[in-house]
N, C-alpha and C. Protein backbone atom coordinates (compact mmCIF):
# COMPACT_ATOMS: atom_id res chain seq x y z
N UNK A 1 -13.25 -14.16 2.23
CA UNK A 1 -13.20 -12.90 1.43
C UNK A 1 -14.33 -12.80 0.71
N UNK A 2 -14.90 -11.35 0.39
CA UNK A 2 -15.94 -11.32 -0.41
C UNK A 2 -15.56 -11.63 -1.92
N UNK A 3 -16.55 -11.66 -2.89
CA UNK A 3 -16.22 -12.03 -4.06
C UNK A 3 -15.61 -10.84 -4.78
N UNK A 4 -14.90 -10.79 -6.02
CA UNK A 4 -14.36 -9.74 -6.86
C UNK A 4 -15.30 -8.77 -7.08
N UNK A 5 -16.45 -8.93 -7.62
CA UNK A 5 -17.41 -7.76 -7.93
C UNK A 5 -17.78 -7.06 -6.90
N UNK A 6 -17.98 -7.76 -5.59
CA UNK A 6 -18.55 -6.96 -4.65
C UNK A 6 -17.41 -6.09 -4.03
N UNK A 7 -16.11 -6.65 -3.96
CA UNK A 7 -14.94 -5.80 -3.57
C UNK A 7 -14.69 -4.67 -4.49
N UNK A 8 -14.86 -4.97 -5.73
CA UNK A 8 -14.58 -3.79 -6.92
C UNK A 8 -15.72 -2.75 -6.71
N UNK A 9 -16.95 -3.18 -6.49
CA UNK A 9 -18.00 -2.21 -6.26
C UNK A 9 -17.68 -1.31 -5.07
N UNK A 10 -17.39 -1.91 -4.04
CA UNK A 10 -17.22 -1.22 -2.69
C UNK A 10 -15.99 -0.41 -2.84
N UNK A 11 -14.86 -0.71 -3.33
CA UNK A 11 -13.63 -0.15 -3.59
C UNK A 11 -13.83 1.21 -4.39
N UNK A 12 -14.56 1.07 -5.50
CA UNK A 12 -14.85 2.04 -6.55
C UNK A 12 -15.73 3.04 -5.70
N UNK A 13 -16.66 2.72 -4.92
CA UNK A 13 -17.46 3.55 -4.00
C UNK A 13 -16.64 4.58 -3.13
N UNK A 14 -15.87 3.62 -2.48
CA UNK A 14 -14.98 4.39 -1.42
C UNK A 14 -13.71 5.28 -2.08
N UNK A 15 -13.44 4.93 -3.18
CA UNK A 15 -12.49 5.75 -4.04
C UNK A 15 -12.91 6.90 -4.66
N UNK A 16 -14.33 6.76 -5.15
CA UNK A 16 -14.96 7.97 -5.55
C UNK A 16 -15.42 7.72 -7.12
N UNK A 17 -14.64 6.65 -7.89
CA UNK A 17 -15.01 6.27 -9.17
C UNK A 17 -14.49 4.97 -9.43
N UNK A 18 -14.97 4.30 -10.59
CA UNK A 18 -14.34 3.13 -11.07
C UNK A 18 -13.28 3.52 -12.16
N UNK A 19 -12.21 2.76 -12.03
CA UNK A 19 -11.06 3.05 -13.01
C UNK A 19 -10.12 1.88 -13.24
N UNK A 20 -9.48 1.88 -14.18
CA UNK A 20 -8.49 0.61 -14.35
C UNK A 20 -7.59 0.35 -13.11
N UNK A 21 -7.41 1.43 -12.42
CA UNK A 21 -6.50 1.12 -11.14
C UNK A 21 -7.27 0.44 -10.18
N UNK A 22 -8.40 0.63 -9.97
CA UNK A 22 -9.45 0.00 -8.93
C UNK A 22 -9.41 -1.54 -9.16
N UNK A 23 -9.55 -1.90 -10.54
CA UNK A 23 -9.73 -3.27 -10.94
C UNK A 23 -8.20 -3.93 -10.50
N UNK A 24 -7.16 -3.27 -10.91
CA UNK A 24 -5.74 -3.83 -10.68
C UNK A 24 -5.58 -3.97 -9.08
N UNK A 25 -5.92 -2.85 -8.56
CA UNK A 25 -5.78 -3.17 -7.03
C UNK A 25 -6.41 -4.01 -6.34
N UNK A 26 -7.73 -4.15 -6.72
CA UNK A 26 -8.57 -5.11 -6.12
C UNK A 26 -8.04 -6.54 -6.28
N UNK A 27 -7.77 -6.78 -7.62
CA UNK A 27 -7.10 -8.02 -7.85
C UNK A 27 -5.68 -8.41 -7.23
N UNK A 28 -4.83 -7.26 -7.11
CA UNK A 28 -3.67 -7.31 -6.61
C UNK A 28 -3.74 -7.78 -5.16
N UNK A 29 -4.68 -7.10 -4.33
CA UNK A 29 -4.93 -7.39 -3.01
C UNK A 29 -5.40 -8.82 -2.85
N UNK A 30 -6.29 -9.21 -3.59
CA UNK A 30 -7.04 -10.55 -3.36
C UNK A 30 -5.92 -11.74 -3.65
N UNK A 31 -4.92 -11.50 -4.58
CA UNK A 31 -3.91 -12.38 -4.97
C UNK A 31 -2.88 -12.36 -3.80
N UNK A 32 -2.56 -11.12 -3.39
CA UNK A 32 -1.49 -10.83 -2.35
C UNK A 32 -1.88 -11.67 -0.94
N UNK A 33 -3.16 -11.50 -0.62
CA UNK A 33 -3.76 -12.20 0.56
C UNK A 33 -3.87 -13.64 0.40
N UNK A 34 -4.25 -14.14 -0.74
CA UNK A 34 -4.15 -15.61 -1.08
C UNK A 34 -2.66 -16.20 -0.74
N UNK A 35 -1.67 -15.48 -1.35
CA UNK A 35 -0.53 -15.84 -1.25
C UNK A 35 0.02 -16.14 0.02
N UNK A 36 -0.40 -15.20 1.13
CA UNK A 36 0.19 -15.16 2.31
C UNK A 36 -0.73 -15.75 3.28
N UNK A 37 -1.88 -16.38 2.81
CA UNK A 37 -2.76 -17.44 3.57
C UNK A 37 -3.84 -16.63 4.27
N UNK A 38 -4.26 -15.38 3.93
CA UNK A 38 -5.17 -14.75 4.66
C UNK A 38 -6.30 -14.82 3.89
N UNK A 39 -7.66 -15.33 4.24
CA UNK A 39 -8.75 -15.40 3.38
C UNK A 39 -9.85 -14.22 3.73
N UNK A 40 -9.58 -13.51 4.84
CA UNK A 40 -10.60 -12.54 5.27
C UNK A 40 -9.78 -11.33 6.13
N UNK A 41 -8.82 -10.69 5.36
CA UNK A 41 -7.67 -9.74 6.03
C UNK A 41 -8.53 -8.58 6.91
N UNK A 42 -9.70 -8.26 6.40
CA UNK A 42 -10.53 -7.21 7.35
C UNK A 42 -11.11 -7.84 8.60
N UNK A 43 -11.07 -9.05 8.77
CA UNK A 43 -11.86 -9.78 10.04
C UNK A 43 -10.79 -9.49 11.27
N UNK A 44 -11.63 -9.44 12.30
CA UNK A 44 -10.83 -9.18 13.65
C UNK A 44 -9.73 -10.04 13.89
N UNK A 45 -9.86 -11.50 13.52
CA UNK A 45 -8.77 -12.25 13.85
C UNK A 45 -7.70 -12.15 12.80
N UNK A 46 -7.63 -11.65 11.88
CA UNK A 46 -6.72 -11.38 10.78
C UNK A 46 -6.09 -10.13 10.51
N UNK A 47 -6.81 -9.17 10.94
CA UNK A 47 -6.31 -7.72 10.54
C UNK A 47 -5.01 -7.36 11.23
N UNK A 48 -4.56 -7.97 12.34
CA UNK A 48 -3.31 -7.64 12.95
C UNK A 48 -2.31 -8.44 12.46
N UNK A 49 -2.69 -9.54 11.47
CA UNK A 49 -1.61 -10.48 10.89
C UNK A 49 -1.03 -9.76 9.62
N UNK A 50 -1.54 -8.71 9.03
CA UNK A 50 -1.04 -8.38 7.74
C UNK A 50 -0.55 -6.73 7.70
N UNK A 51 0.48 -6.70 7.02
CA UNK A 51 1.22 -5.35 6.65
C UNK A 51 1.41 -5.43 5.08
N UNK A 52 0.80 -4.14 4.44
CA UNK A 52 1.27 -3.84 3.08
C UNK A 52 2.00 -2.97 2.87
N UNK A 53 2.96 -2.99 1.93
CA UNK A 53 3.87 -2.03 1.64
C UNK A 53 3.30 -1.61 0.15
N UNK A 54 2.98 -0.35 -0.08
CA UNK A 54 2.49 0.07 -1.52
C UNK A 54 3.67 0.84 -2.08
N UNK A 55 3.84 0.74 -3.29
CA UNK A 55 4.98 1.49 -4.06
C UNK A 55 4.64 2.62 -4.82
N UNK A 56 3.28 3.16 -4.76
CA UNK A 56 2.83 4.11 -5.63
C UNK A 56 1.52 4.84 -4.95
N UNK A 57 1.39 6.02 -5.06
CA UNK A 57 0.19 6.77 -4.40
C UNK A 57 -0.83 7.04 -5.65
N UNK A 58 -1.40 5.90 -6.22
CA UNK A 58 -2.42 5.89 -7.30
C UNK A 58 -3.66 5.28 -6.85
N UNK A 59 -4.40 5.21 -7.85
CA UNK A 59 -5.80 4.63 -7.43
C UNK A 59 -5.73 3.17 -6.80
N UNK A 60 -4.91 2.43 -7.35
CA UNK A 60 -4.73 1.09 -6.94
C UNK A 60 -4.42 0.87 -5.45
N UNK A 61 -3.73 1.70 -5.12
CA UNK A 61 -3.46 1.97 -3.47
C UNK A 61 -4.80 2.03 -2.61
N UNK A 62 -5.62 2.81 -3.14
CA UNK A 62 -6.96 2.83 -2.44
C UNK A 62 -7.56 1.58 -2.41
N UNK A 63 -7.54 0.88 -3.78
CA UNK A 63 -8.40 -0.40 -3.71
C UNK A 63 -7.54 -1.58 -2.91
N UNK A 64 -6.21 -1.41 -2.65
CA UNK A 64 -5.39 -2.48 -1.85
C UNK A 64 -6.04 -2.10 -0.43
N UNK A 65 -5.95 -0.95 0.00
CA UNK A 65 -6.43 -0.61 1.37
C UNK A 65 -7.83 -1.02 1.72
N UNK A 66 -8.59 -0.78 0.83
CA UNK A 66 -10.15 -1.14 0.79
C UNK A 66 -10.21 -2.72 1.10
N UNK A 67 -9.46 -3.41 0.23
CA UNK A 67 -9.83 -4.85 0.20
C UNK A 67 -8.98 -5.45 1.57
N UNK A 68 -7.88 -4.98 1.90
CA UNK A 68 -7.28 -5.73 3.23
C UNK A 68 -7.56 -4.97 4.35
N UNK A 69 -8.10 -3.92 4.30
CA UNK A 69 -8.29 -3.23 5.63
C UNK A 69 -7.12 -2.45 6.18
N UNK A 70 -5.96 -2.39 5.48
CA UNK A 70 -4.68 -1.80 6.03
C UNK A 70 -4.84 -0.39 6.00
N UNK A 71 -4.26 0.25 7.09
CA UNK A 71 -4.36 1.73 7.06
C UNK A 71 -3.23 2.39 7.53
N UNK A 72 -2.83 3.69 7.14
CA UNK A 72 -1.59 4.30 7.66
C UNK A 72 -1.68 4.53 9.16
N UNK A 73 -2.91 4.82 9.69
CA UNK A 73 -3.29 5.25 11.05
C UNK A 73 -2.93 3.95 11.97
N UNK A 74 -3.17 2.71 11.44
CA UNK A 74 -2.99 1.50 12.13
C UNK A 74 -1.44 0.86 12.10
N UNK A 75 -0.69 1.55 11.15
CA UNK A 75 0.41 1.38 10.92
C UNK A 75 0.70 -0.15 10.08
N UNK A 76 -0.43 -0.59 9.55
CA UNK A 76 -0.35 -1.74 8.76
C UNK A 76 -0.23 -1.53 7.16
N UNK A 77 -0.37 0.03 6.94
CA UNK A 77 -0.14 0.26 5.40
C UNK A 77 1.06 1.04 5.34
N UNK A 78 2.12 0.61 4.67
CA UNK A 78 3.40 1.32 4.61
C UNK A 78 3.51 1.90 3.13
N UNK A 79 3.83 3.20 3.02
CA UNK A 79 4.14 3.73 1.76
C UNK A 79 5.50 3.89 1.31
N UNK A 80 6.14 3.29 0.33
CA UNK A 80 7.47 3.45 -0.34
C UNK A 80 7.24 4.05 -1.55
N UNK A 81 7.62 5.40 -1.78
CA UNK A 81 7.48 6.09 -3.04
C UNK A 81 8.37 5.72 -4.05
N UNK A 82 8.10 4.59 -4.74
CA UNK A 82 8.78 4.03 -5.69
C UNK A 82 8.48 4.36 -7.22
N UNK A 83 7.20 4.88 -7.27
CA UNK A 83 6.58 5.15 -8.35
C UNK A 83 6.27 3.78 -9.31
N UNK A 84 6.15 2.74 -8.49
CA UNK A 84 5.99 1.45 -9.10
C UNK A 84 4.53 0.98 -8.82
N UNK A 85 3.73 0.42 -9.86
CA UNK A 85 2.63 -0.23 -9.49
C UNK A 85 2.71 -1.54 -8.87
N UNK A 86 3.09 -1.61 -7.59
CA UNK A 86 3.39 -2.91 -6.74
C UNK A 86 3.06 -2.70 -5.30
N UNK A 87 2.87 -3.87 -4.71
CA UNK A 87 2.60 -4.00 -3.42
C UNK A 87 3.25 -5.08 -2.91
N UNK A 88 3.71 -5.31 -1.59
CA UNK A 88 4.30 -6.31 -1.02
C UNK A 88 3.21 -6.65 0.22
N UNK A 89 2.88 -7.84 0.35
CA UNK A 89 1.84 -8.35 1.34
C UNK A 89 2.68 -9.23 2.28
N UNK A 90 2.75 -8.96 3.66
CA UNK A 90 3.34 -9.78 4.47
C UNK A 90 2.52 -10.33 5.66
N UNK A 91 2.42 -11.47 6.00
CA UNK A 91 1.91 -11.98 7.06
C UNK A 91 2.89 -12.05 8.15
N UNK A 92 2.49 -11.26 9.26
CA UNK A 92 3.24 -11.14 10.40
C UNK A 92 3.45 -12.33 11.28
N UNK A 93 2.41 -13.20 11.23
CA UNK A 93 2.41 -14.35 11.85
C UNK A 93 3.51 -15.51 11.37
N UNK A 94 3.27 -15.51 10.11
CA UNK A 94 4.11 -16.67 9.40
C UNK A 94 5.59 -16.11 8.74
N UNK A 95 5.71 -14.73 8.56
CA UNK A 95 6.66 -14.16 8.02
C UNK A 95 6.62 -14.31 6.50
N UNK A 96 5.58 -14.91 5.75
CA UNK A 96 5.54 -15.03 4.47
C UNK A 96 5.30 -13.70 3.93
N UNK A 97 6.14 -13.24 2.52
CA UNK A 97 5.90 -12.17 2.01
C UNK A 97 6.09 -12.34 0.46
N UNK A 98 5.18 -11.54 -0.13
CA UNK A 98 5.13 -11.78 -1.65
C UNK A 98 4.88 -10.19 -2.12
N UNK A 99 5.72 -9.98 -3.14
CA UNK A 99 5.55 -8.60 -3.83
C UNK A 99 5.01 -8.89 -5.30
N UNK A 100 4.06 -8.12 -5.31
CA UNK A 100 2.92 -8.43 -6.70
C UNK A 100 3.11 -7.17 -7.64
N UNK A 101 3.69 -7.38 -8.70
CA UNK A 101 3.85 -6.16 -9.65
C UNK A 101 2.80 -6.08 -10.75
N UNK A 102 2.30 -4.91 -11.06
CA UNK A 102 1.50 -5.01 -12.20
C UNK A 102 2.31 -4.69 -13.48
N UNK A 103 1.92 -5.74 -14.56
CA UNK A 103 3.03 -5.89 -15.73
C UNK A 103 2.39 -4.54 -16.69
N UNK A 104 3.27 -4.03 -17.39
CA UNK A 104 2.99 -3.13 -18.33
C UNK A 104 2.69 -3.79 -19.80
N UNK A 105 2.73 -4.85 -19.79
CA UNK A 105 2.23 -5.65 -21.04
C UNK A 105 0.69 -5.70 -21.02
N UNK A 106 0.07 -5.79 -19.65
CA UNK A 106 -1.13 -5.81 -19.56
C UNK A 106 -2.05 -4.64 -20.38
N UNK A 107 -1.14 -3.45 -20.38
CA UNK A 107 -1.85 -2.30 -21.12
C UNK A 107 -1.98 -2.68 -22.67
N UNK A 108 -0.96 -3.13 -23.17
CA UNK A 108 -0.94 -3.58 -24.58
C UNK A 108 -1.78 -4.52 -24.95
N UNK A 109 -2.14 -5.55 -23.99
CA UNK A 109 -3.01 -6.70 -24.18
C UNK A 109 -4.38 -6.39 -24.07
N UNK A 110 -4.84 -5.16 -23.42
CA UNK A 110 -6.11 -5.03 -23.19
C UNK A 110 -7.18 -5.11 -24.35
N UNK A 111 -6.59 -4.80 -25.60
CA UNK A 111 -7.66 -5.00 -26.88
C UNK A 111 -7.75 -6.43 -27.16
N UNK A 112 -6.86 -7.22 -26.75
CA UNK A 112 -7.06 -8.65 -27.05
C UNK A 112 -8.06 -9.20 -25.92
N UNK A 113 -8.11 -8.88 -24.87
CA UNK A 113 -8.90 -9.33 -23.81
C UNK A 113 -10.37 -8.78 -23.85
N UNK A 114 -10.56 -7.69 -24.36
CA UNK A 114 -11.88 -6.88 -24.40
C UNK A 114 -11.90 -6.18 -25.74
N UNK A 115 -12.01 -6.98 -26.91
CA UNK A 115 -11.94 -6.34 -28.20
C UNK A 115 -13.26 -5.70 -28.51
N UNK A 116 -14.44 -5.72 -27.71
CA UNK A 116 -15.61 -5.37 -28.15
C UNK A 116 -15.88 -4.02 -27.33
N UNK A 117 -15.04 -3.56 -26.50
CA UNK A 117 -15.25 -2.43 -25.55
C UNK A 117 -14.43 -1.25 -26.23
N UNK A 118 -15.20 -0.18 -26.33
CA UNK A 118 -14.70 0.91 -26.89
C UNK A 118 -14.15 1.81 -25.87
N UNK A 119 -13.15 2.61 -26.13
CA UNK A 119 -12.40 3.58 -25.21
C UNK A 119 -11.53 3.06 -24.43
N UNK A 120 -10.42 3.57 -24.19
CA UNK A 120 -9.24 3.00 -23.63
C UNK A 120 -9.37 2.73 -22.21
N UNK A 121 -9.85 3.40 -21.53
CA UNK A 121 -10.14 3.27 -20.04
C UNK A 121 -11.15 1.99 -19.80
N UNK A 122 -12.19 2.23 -20.44
CA UNK A 122 -13.35 1.14 -20.40
C UNK A 122 -12.78 -0.05 -20.70
N UNK A 123 -11.94 -0.16 -21.85
CA UNK A 123 -11.46 -1.39 -22.22
C UNK A 123 -10.50 -2.04 -21.29
N UNK A 124 -9.84 -1.11 -20.64
CA UNK A 124 -8.73 -1.85 -19.55
C UNK A 124 -9.59 -2.16 -18.45
N UNK A 125 -10.56 -1.54 -17.95
CA UNK A 125 -11.27 -1.97 -17.00
C UNK A 125 -12.05 -3.31 -17.05
N UNK A 126 -12.56 -3.63 -18.21
CA UNK A 126 -12.92 -4.91 -18.48
C UNK A 126 -11.83 -6.01 -18.88
N UNK A 127 -10.84 -5.64 -19.64
CA UNK A 127 -9.83 -6.52 -19.75
C UNK A 127 -9.08 -6.90 -18.53
N UNK A 128 -8.88 -6.06 -17.70
CA UNK A 128 -8.07 -6.36 -16.40
C UNK A 128 -8.96 -7.47 -15.45
N UNK A 129 -10.29 -7.35 -15.73
CA UNK A 129 -11.26 -8.32 -14.81
C UNK A 129 -10.88 -9.72 -15.60
N UNK A 130 -10.87 -9.81 -17.06
CA UNK A 130 -10.73 -11.08 -17.50
C UNK A 130 -9.20 -11.67 -17.80
N UNK A 131 -8.31 -10.91 -17.59
CA UNK A 131 -6.92 -11.53 -17.73
C UNK A 131 -6.61 -12.41 -16.61
N UNK A 132 -5.85 -13.39 -16.93
CA UNK A 132 -5.44 -14.38 -15.81
C UNK A 132 -4.27 -13.53 -14.92
N UNK A 133 -4.14 -13.92 -13.90
CA UNK A 133 -3.01 -13.34 -12.84
C UNK A 133 -1.88 -13.44 -13.48
N UNK A 134 -1.43 -14.39 -14.31
CA UNK A 134 -0.03 -14.64 -14.80
C UNK A 134 0.19 -13.70 -15.93
N UNK A 135 -0.80 -12.94 -16.34
CA UNK A 135 -0.66 -11.95 -17.57
C UNK A 135 -0.66 -10.52 -16.85
N UNK A 136 -1.61 -10.59 -15.84
CA UNK A 136 -1.75 -9.14 -15.04
C UNK A 136 -0.62 -8.88 -14.14
N UNK A 137 0.10 -9.66 -13.51
CA UNK A 137 1.04 -9.55 -12.51
C UNK A 137 2.17 -10.47 -12.74
N UNK A 138 3.21 -9.91 -12.14
CA UNK A 138 4.49 -10.46 -11.79
C UNK A 138 4.51 -10.70 -10.28
N UNK A 139 4.95 -11.91 -9.82
CA UNK A 139 4.95 -12.16 -8.22
C UNK A 139 6.47 -12.53 -8.06
N UNK A 140 6.84 -11.95 -6.82
CA UNK A 140 8.13 -12.37 -6.33
C UNK A 140 7.99 -12.74 -4.89
N UNK A 141 8.47 -13.77 -4.39
CA UNK A 141 8.65 -14.15 -3.11
C UNK A 141 9.80 -13.25 -2.48
N UNK A 142 9.42 -12.72 -1.40
CA UNK A 142 10.66 -11.64 -0.73
C UNK A 142 10.61 -11.93 0.71
N UNK A 143 11.65 -11.34 1.29
CA UNK A 143 11.73 -11.30 2.76
C UNK A 143 11.72 -9.73 3.18
N UNK A 144 11.03 -9.71 4.24
CA UNK A 144 10.68 -8.22 4.68
C UNK A 144 11.18 -8.06 6.05
N UNK A 145 12.40 -7.55 6.30
CA UNK A 145 12.65 -7.47 7.60
C UNK A 145 12.11 -6.34 8.43
N UNK A 146 11.62 -6.77 9.64
CA UNK A 146 10.68 -5.74 10.22
C UNK A 146 11.22 -5.28 11.64
N UNK A 147 11.60 -4.08 11.84
CA UNK A 147 11.98 -3.62 13.20
C UNK A 147 10.84 -3.47 14.06
N UNK A 148 11.08 -3.62 15.33
CA UNK A 148 10.00 -3.48 16.14
C UNK A 148 9.17 -2.09 16.27
N UNK A 149 10.17 -1.03 15.85
CA UNK A 149 9.53 0.34 15.63
C UNK A 149 8.60 0.44 14.56
N UNK A 150 8.53 -0.69 13.37
CA UNK A 150 7.77 -0.43 12.32
C UNK A 150 6.24 -1.32 12.58
N UNK A 151 6.01 -1.97 13.52
CA UNK A 151 5.15 -2.97 13.81
C UNK A 151 3.85 -1.98 14.24
N UNK A 152 2.69 -2.40 14.03
CA UNK A 152 1.48 -1.79 14.48
C UNK A 152 1.43 -2.00 16.04
N UNK A 153 0.72 -1.09 16.85
CA UNK A 153 0.59 -1.23 18.38
C UNK A 153 1.08 0.35 18.81
N UNK A 154 1.34 0.20 20.13
CA UNK A 154 1.63 1.41 20.79
C UNK A 154 2.87 2.13 20.37
N UNK A 155 3.17 3.37 20.56
CA UNK A 155 4.37 3.93 20.32
C UNK A 155 5.34 3.30 21.34
N UNK A 156 6.58 2.81 20.69
CA UNK A 156 7.55 2.05 21.48
C UNK A 156 8.65 2.87 22.04
N UNK A 157 8.66 4.05 21.47
CA UNK A 157 9.65 5.02 22.20
C UNK A 157 9.56 6.40 21.48
N UNK A 158 10.01 7.60 22.19
CA UNK A 158 9.96 8.80 21.60
C UNK A 158 11.28 9.67 22.16
N UNK A 159 11.64 10.45 21.29
CA UNK A 159 12.81 11.49 21.72
C UNK A 159 12.36 12.65 21.30
N UNK A 160 12.92 13.77 21.76
CA UNK A 160 12.76 15.31 21.61
C UNK A 160 13.87 15.61 20.68
N UNK A 161 13.65 16.37 19.52
CA UNK A 161 14.50 16.93 18.71
C UNK A 161 15.30 17.94 19.45
N UNK A 162 16.59 17.90 19.32
CA UNK A 162 17.32 18.90 20.18
C UNK A 162 17.49 20.31 19.32
N UNK A 163 17.05 20.50 18.48
CA UNK A 163 16.88 21.62 17.72
C UNK A 163 15.60 22.47 17.69
N UNK A 164 14.59 21.60 17.41
CA UNK A 164 13.15 22.36 17.23
C UNK A 164 12.22 22.02 18.59
N UNK A 165 12.62 20.94 19.23
CA UNK A 165 11.85 20.58 20.20
C UNK A 165 10.71 19.53 20.16
N UNK A 166 10.52 19.27 18.96
CA UNK A 166 9.33 18.50 18.31
C UNK A 166 9.56 17.03 18.97
N UNK A 167 8.59 16.55 19.50
CA UNK A 167 8.66 14.99 19.90
C UNK A 167 8.61 14.09 18.62
N UNK A 168 9.59 13.06 18.58
CA UNK A 168 9.66 12.24 17.37
C UNK A 168 9.36 10.84 17.83
N UNK A 169 8.46 10.11 17.44
CA UNK A 169 7.95 8.88 17.81
C UNK A 169 8.68 7.56 16.96
N UNK A 170 8.60 6.47 17.69
CA UNK A 170 8.81 5.08 17.01
C UNK A 170 10.39 5.08 16.41
N UNK A 171 11.18 5.69 17.20
CA UNK A 171 12.69 5.69 16.58
C UNK A 171 12.94 6.25 15.30
N UNK A 172 12.00 7.43 14.85
CA UNK A 172 12.40 8.06 13.47
C UNK A 172 13.35 9.25 13.90
N UNK A 173 14.10 9.43 14.94
CA UNK A 173 14.99 10.53 15.25
C UNK A 173 16.19 10.07 14.39
N UNK A 174 17.08 10.97 13.98
CA UNK A 174 18.41 10.89 13.58
C UNK A 174 19.33 11.55 14.46
N UNK A 175 20.23 10.74 14.79
CA UNK A 175 21.32 11.32 15.65
C UNK A 175 22.46 12.02 14.83
N UNK A 176 22.68 13.16 15.23
CA UNK A 176 23.55 14.05 14.73
C UNK A 176 24.60 14.61 15.72
N UNK A 177 25.83 14.40 15.78
CA UNK A 177 26.84 14.82 16.84
C UNK A 177 26.26 14.50 18.15
N UNK A 178 25.79 13.14 18.21
CA UNK A 178 25.28 12.53 19.50
C UNK A 178 23.94 13.12 20.02
N UNK A 179 23.24 14.05 19.18
CA UNK A 179 22.08 14.55 19.80
C UNK A 179 20.79 14.20 18.77
N UNK A 180 19.81 13.92 19.37
CA UNK A 180 18.62 13.40 18.49
C UNK A 180 17.93 14.61 17.73
N UNK A 181 17.55 14.38 16.47
CA UNK A 181 17.02 15.47 15.57
C UNK A 181 15.86 15.03 15.02
N UNK A 182 14.78 15.77 14.62
CA UNK A 182 13.71 15.16 13.92
C UNK A 182 14.34 15.29 12.37
N UNK A 183 13.70 14.48 11.39
CA UNK A 183 14.14 14.30 10.18
C UNK A 183 14.17 15.60 9.41
N UNK A 184 13.07 16.41 9.75
CA UNK A 184 13.12 17.84 8.86
C UNK A 184 14.44 18.68 9.23
N UNK A 185 14.63 18.54 10.67
CA UNK A 185 15.79 19.36 10.98
C UNK A 185 17.20 18.91 10.53
N UNK A 186 17.27 17.52 10.47
CA UNK A 186 18.48 16.73 10.17
C UNK A 186 18.86 16.88 8.59
N UNK A 187 17.49 16.53 7.98
CA UNK A 187 17.77 16.24 6.40
C UNK A 187 17.02 17.32 5.50
N UNK A 188 16.29 18.32 6.03
CA UNK A 188 15.41 19.13 5.21
C UNK A 188 14.13 18.34 5.00
N UNK A 189 13.03 18.99 4.35
CA UNK A 189 11.76 18.39 4.12
C UNK A 189 11.24 18.91 3.00
N UNK A 190 9.87 18.43 2.88
CA UNK A 190 9.27 18.79 1.51
C UNK A 190 8.73 20.29 1.45
N UNK A 191 8.59 20.94 2.60
CA UNK A 191 7.99 22.33 2.57
C UNK A 191 9.09 23.40 2.80
N UNK A 192 8.71 24.52 2.61
CA UNK A 192 9.72 25.69 2.67
C UNK A 192 9.06 26.82 3.52
N UNK A 193 9.91 27.75 3.97
CA UNK A 193 9.49 28.75 4.72
C UNK A 193 8.22 28.92 5.58
N UNK A 194 8.49 27.91 6.65
CA UNK A 194 7.60 27.67 7.67
C UNK A 194 7.62 28.89 8.63
N UNK A 195 6.29 29.32 8.84
CA UNK A 195 6.25 30.63 9.66
C UNK A 195 5.07 30.09 10.53
N UNK A 196 5.32 30.34 12.03
CA UNK A 196 4.15 29.98 12.79
C UNK A 196 3.17 31.18 12.89
N UNK A 197 1.87 30.85 13.04
CA UNK A 197 0.85 31.75 13.08
C UNK A 197 -0.01 31.55 14.18
N UNK A 198 -0.61 32.74 14.78
CA UNK A 198 -1.42 32.71 16.05
C UNK A 198 -2.89 32.35 15.53
N UNK A 199 -3.44 31.44 16.42
CA UNK A 199 -4.95 31.21 16.09
C UNK A 199 -5.71 31.46 17.24
């Protein structure tokens, strides 16, 4: 794996700016990969061994994706909207999985680790680079049950929604009254008042 400074520079460039979340995300990803025994997760021989579940859609997630190479389109990045600065790193080959959580105490301790730096964000950026993992993170060993329909690779099955006709892939349909429905038809969705347009 590349060194921290190189990864942070690349991550900040890919993200669009350097912020405290970039530092936390890069360090979280480096720790997570170490815990599951992957030293170069973006390499061709390791990229298919890793899945990462992120629990927040904030800056740290971009850093985690950058360091590990996981992507939604590859099905190796999973988003669970818990609103928690945490990520779970899973080695598909060994089954080893660790959930790494950013501690809230780290914010309060930033002045102790970078007293000479002015400005809250800049102080956090510097302090988060200096803090030991044991201060910046809590780590939990976890088990992640994986369905064959959650794994990277080709589509494993598809169904057609009995209500709207949309094709639903990877066993994401919901059975209602013995018929397959897409989740928007079965449960409602995030958008309202959908109207088709001609183009």
